[in-house]
Protein backbone atom coordinates (compact mmCIF):
# COMPACT_ATOMS: atom_id res chain seq x y z
CA MET A 1 113.86 94.64 98.89
CA THR A 2 110.16 93.89 99.50
CA MET A 3 108.13 94.67 102.60
CA ALA A 4 108.36 90.98 103.54
CA ASP A 5 112.15 91.36 103.66
CA GLN A 6 112.01 94.38 105.98
CA ASP A 7 110.89 94.87 109.53
CA ARG A 8 107.21 95.81 109.44
CA THR A 9 106.60 99.22 110.97
CA MET A 10 103.10 100.64 111.15
CA ILE A 11 102.83 104.40 110.62
CA LYS A 12 101.58 105.47 114.02
CA PHE A 13 102.95 107.20 117.08
CA LYS A 14 101.80 108.39 120.45
CA THR A 15 102.71 111.46 122.49
CA ALA A 16 101.63 112.45 125.97
CA HIS A 17 98.46 114.03 124.53
CA TYR A 18 97.79 112.51 121.10
CA LYS A 19 97.79 109.28 119.18
CA PHE A 20 98.45 109.54 115.40
CA THR A 21 97.51 106.90 112.84
CA TYR A 22 97.77 106.72 109.05
CA ARG A 23 94.97 104.40 107.90
CA VAL A 24 93.86 103.13 104.49
CA GLY A 25 90.34 101.80 103.98
CA GLY A 26 88.26 100.28 101.22
CA ILE A 27 84.73 101.08 100.17
CA ALA A 28 83.28 97.87 98.74
CA ILE A 29 79.67 98.22 97.58
CA HIS A 30 77.63 95.31 96.25
CA GLU A 31 73.88 95.14 95.65
CA GLY A 32 73.08 98.20 97.78
CA ARG A 33 75.29 97.10 100.67
CA VAL A 34 78.70 98.18 101.92
CA LEU A 35 81.21 95.77 103.44
CA CYS A 36 81.97 96.78 107.03
CA GLN A 37 83.97 95.38 109.92
CA LYS A 38 82.57 95.26 113.44
CA SER A 39 84.58 96.58 116.35
CA THR A 40 85.14 93.70 118.78
CA LEU A 41 87.73 95.18 121.14
CA ASP A 42 85.18 96.62 123.59
CA PRO A 43 81.76 94.89 123.79
CA ALA A 44 80.28 98.05 125.33
CA ASP A 45 81.33 100.13 122.30
CA ASN A 46 79.70 98.38 119.35
CA PHE A 47 80.32 100.15 116.03
CA TRP A 48 81.26 99.41 112.40
CA PHE A 49 84.09 100.68 110.20
CA LEU A 50 85.33 100.15 106.66
CA PRO A 51 87.85 97.34 106.03
CA GLY A 52 91.51 98.27 105.86
CA GLY A 53 94.16 99.14 108.37
CA ARG A 54 97.34 100.97 109.22
CA ALA A 55 99.86 101.69 106.51
CA GLU A 56 103.42 100.49 106.91
CA LEU A 57 106.63 102.40 106.20
CA GLY A 58 107.74 101.96 102.60
CA GLU A 59 104.28 100.88 101.40
CA SER A 60 101.98 102.82 99.07
CA SER A 61 98.37 103.36 100.12
CA GLN A 62 97.16 100.91 97.43
CA GLU A 63 99.66 98.30 98.63
CA THR A 64 98.40 98.81 102.18
CA LEU A 65 94.80 98.17 101.21
CA ARG A 66 95.67 95.07 99.13
CA ARG A 67 97.78 93.69 102.01
CA GLU A 68 95.10 94.33 104.61
CA VAL A 69 92.40 92.71 102.44
CA GLN A 70 94.61 89.66 101.90
CA GLU A 71 95.56 89.39 105.59
CA GLU A 72 92.07 89.94 107.01
CA LEU A 73 89.73 88.54 104.34
CA GLY A 74 91.97 86.14 102.42
CA GLU A 75 91.00 87.78 99.12
CA GLU A 76 92.73 89.67 96.37
CA GLY A 77 91.25 93.15 96.47
CA GLU A 78 91.07 95.29 93.35
CA VAL A 79 91.82 98.83 94.49
CA GLY A 80 90.02 101.51 92.48
CA ARG A 81 90.09 105.27 92.64
CA LEU A 82 90.73 107.35 95.75
CA LEU A 83 87.34 108.60 97.02
CA TYR A 84 88.10 110.35 100.31
CA ILE A 85 91.00 111.87 102.20
CA VAL A 86 89.79 112.09 105.79
CA GLU A 87 91.46 114.02 108.60
CA ASN A 88 89.72 112.61 111.63
CA PHE A 89 90.17 114.18 115.07
CA PHE A 90 88.35 112.29 117.82
CA THR A 91 88.67 111.25 121.44
CA ASP A 92 87.95 107.96 123.14
CA THR A 93 90.28 107.40 126.08
CA THR A 94 92.96 109.35 124.15
CA ALA A 95 92.83 112.22 121.66
CA HIS A 96 93.38 110.86 118.15
CA HIS A 97 94.56 112.41 114.91
CA GLU A 98 93.96 109.97 112.07
CA ILE A 99 94.68 110.49 108.39
CA GLY A 100 92.59 108.09 106.33
CA LEU A 101 92.62 107.40 102.61
CA TYR A 102 89.52 105.57 101.36
CA PHE A 103 89.51 103.83 97.97
CA GLU A 104 86.92 101.99 95.90
CA LEU A 105 87.38 98.28 96.53
CA ASN A 106 86.20 95.28 94.53
CA PHE A 107 86.73 91.53 94.76
CA PRO A 108 86.94 88.79 92.12
CA GLU A 109 83.53 87.87 90.67
CA ASN A 110 83.68 84.42 92.28
CA SER A 111 84.66 85.76 95.72
CA TYR A 112 83.06 84.08 98.72
CA LEU A 113 82.28 87.62 99.91
CA TYR A 114 79.75 88.03 97.10
CA GLN A 115 77.98 84.73 97.85
CA HIS A 116 76.01 85.99 100.87
CA THR A 117 75.78 89.04 103.14
CA GLY A 118 77.58 87.53 106.14
CA PRO A 119 78.46 87.87 108.87
CA PHE A 120 81.90 86.52 108.04
CA GLU A 121 83.77 85.71 111.24
CA LEU A 122 87.45 85.32 110.58
CA PRO A 123 90.40 84.28 112.74
CA GLU A 124 91.38 86.56 115.56
CA GLU A 125 93.73 89.40 114.73
CA GLN A 126 94.19 90.04 118.43
CA GLU A 127 93.67 87.47 121.15
CA ASN A 128 89.96 86.85 121.87
CA HIS A 129 88.83 89.47 119.36
CA PRO A 130 87.54 87.87 116.15
CA MET A 131 87.24 89.92 112.97
CA ILE A 132 83.60 90.14 111.91
CA PHE A 133 82.68 91.50 108.49
CA GLU A 134 79.20 91.98 107.07
CA TRP A 135 77.51 93.59 104.07
CA LEU A 136 75.35 96.32 105.66
CA PRO A 137 72.45 97.93 103.78
CA ILE A 138 73.50 101.45 102.84
CA ALA A 139 69.90 102.61 103.38
CA ASP A 140 70.15 101.59 107.08
CA LEU A 141 73.35 103.53 107.83
CA PRO A 142 71.90 106.97 108.57
CA ASP A 143 69.35 105.90 111.16
CA ARG A 144 70.13 102.46 112.50
CA LEU A 145 73.85 101.69 112.36
CA ASP A 146 76.86 103.28 114.04
CA ILE A 147 79.61 103.50 111.41
CA ARG A 148 82.82 105.41 111.98
CA PRO A 149 83.90 107.93 110.94
CA PRO A 150 80.24 109.02 111.21
CA PHE A 151 80.17 111.07 108.00
CA PHE A 152 80.04 107.72 106.14
CA ARG A 153 76.43 107.28 107.34
CA HIS A 154 75.38 109.62 104.54
CA ALA A 155 78.44 109.76 102.27
CA LEU A 156 78.18 106.13 101.14
CA ALA A 157 74.74 106.68 99.58
CA THR A 158 76.34 108.60 96.68
CA LEU A 159 80.05 108.25 96.08
CA PRO A 160 81.82 111.40 94.85
CA ALA A 161 82.82 111.89 91.21
CA HIS A 162 86.16 113.33 92.39
CA THR A 163 88.28 112.80 95.47
CA GLU A 164 86.91 114.71 98.46
CA HIS A 165 88.90 116.04 101.40
CA VAL A 166 86.98 115.78 104.68
CA ILE A 167 88.01 117.17 108.07
CA LEU A 168 86.13 115.78 111.07
CA ARG A 169 86.29 116.97 114.65
CA ARG A 170 84.28 115.25 117.37
């Protein structure tokens, strides 16, 4: 049975004090830029994050990333090696515990994503909240752009030779 044949269940839950999410993201780098998605849920909280999304039950992390890339960008993503395992503890209106796996990500040579830097505004995933993607200059991340988790401001300048485990608390 494939995921399409099953009920789709995102791996997330919420308790009285915490919200847990298992997320898979892609690190796509092209010509000194990294592909990022802009947060559009709250106009007052403008930040960027790496493309990807929540894993579903019964789905491998690589399958999650390929599915999310297809759903959100309409492209076949080539998932490379695992770069980061990130345990991210943060608070917005709720305390969050997020486990994130971040893989190298590439697109076909003739991908529309490689034709210009964007922004690429795609159909709404949630009502009135378009998905906006853009190739951001890696050199601008440390000083000028808010990317989350924030350790990516510096980490994307030199990708690790081996998978790194990162624990963040903010």
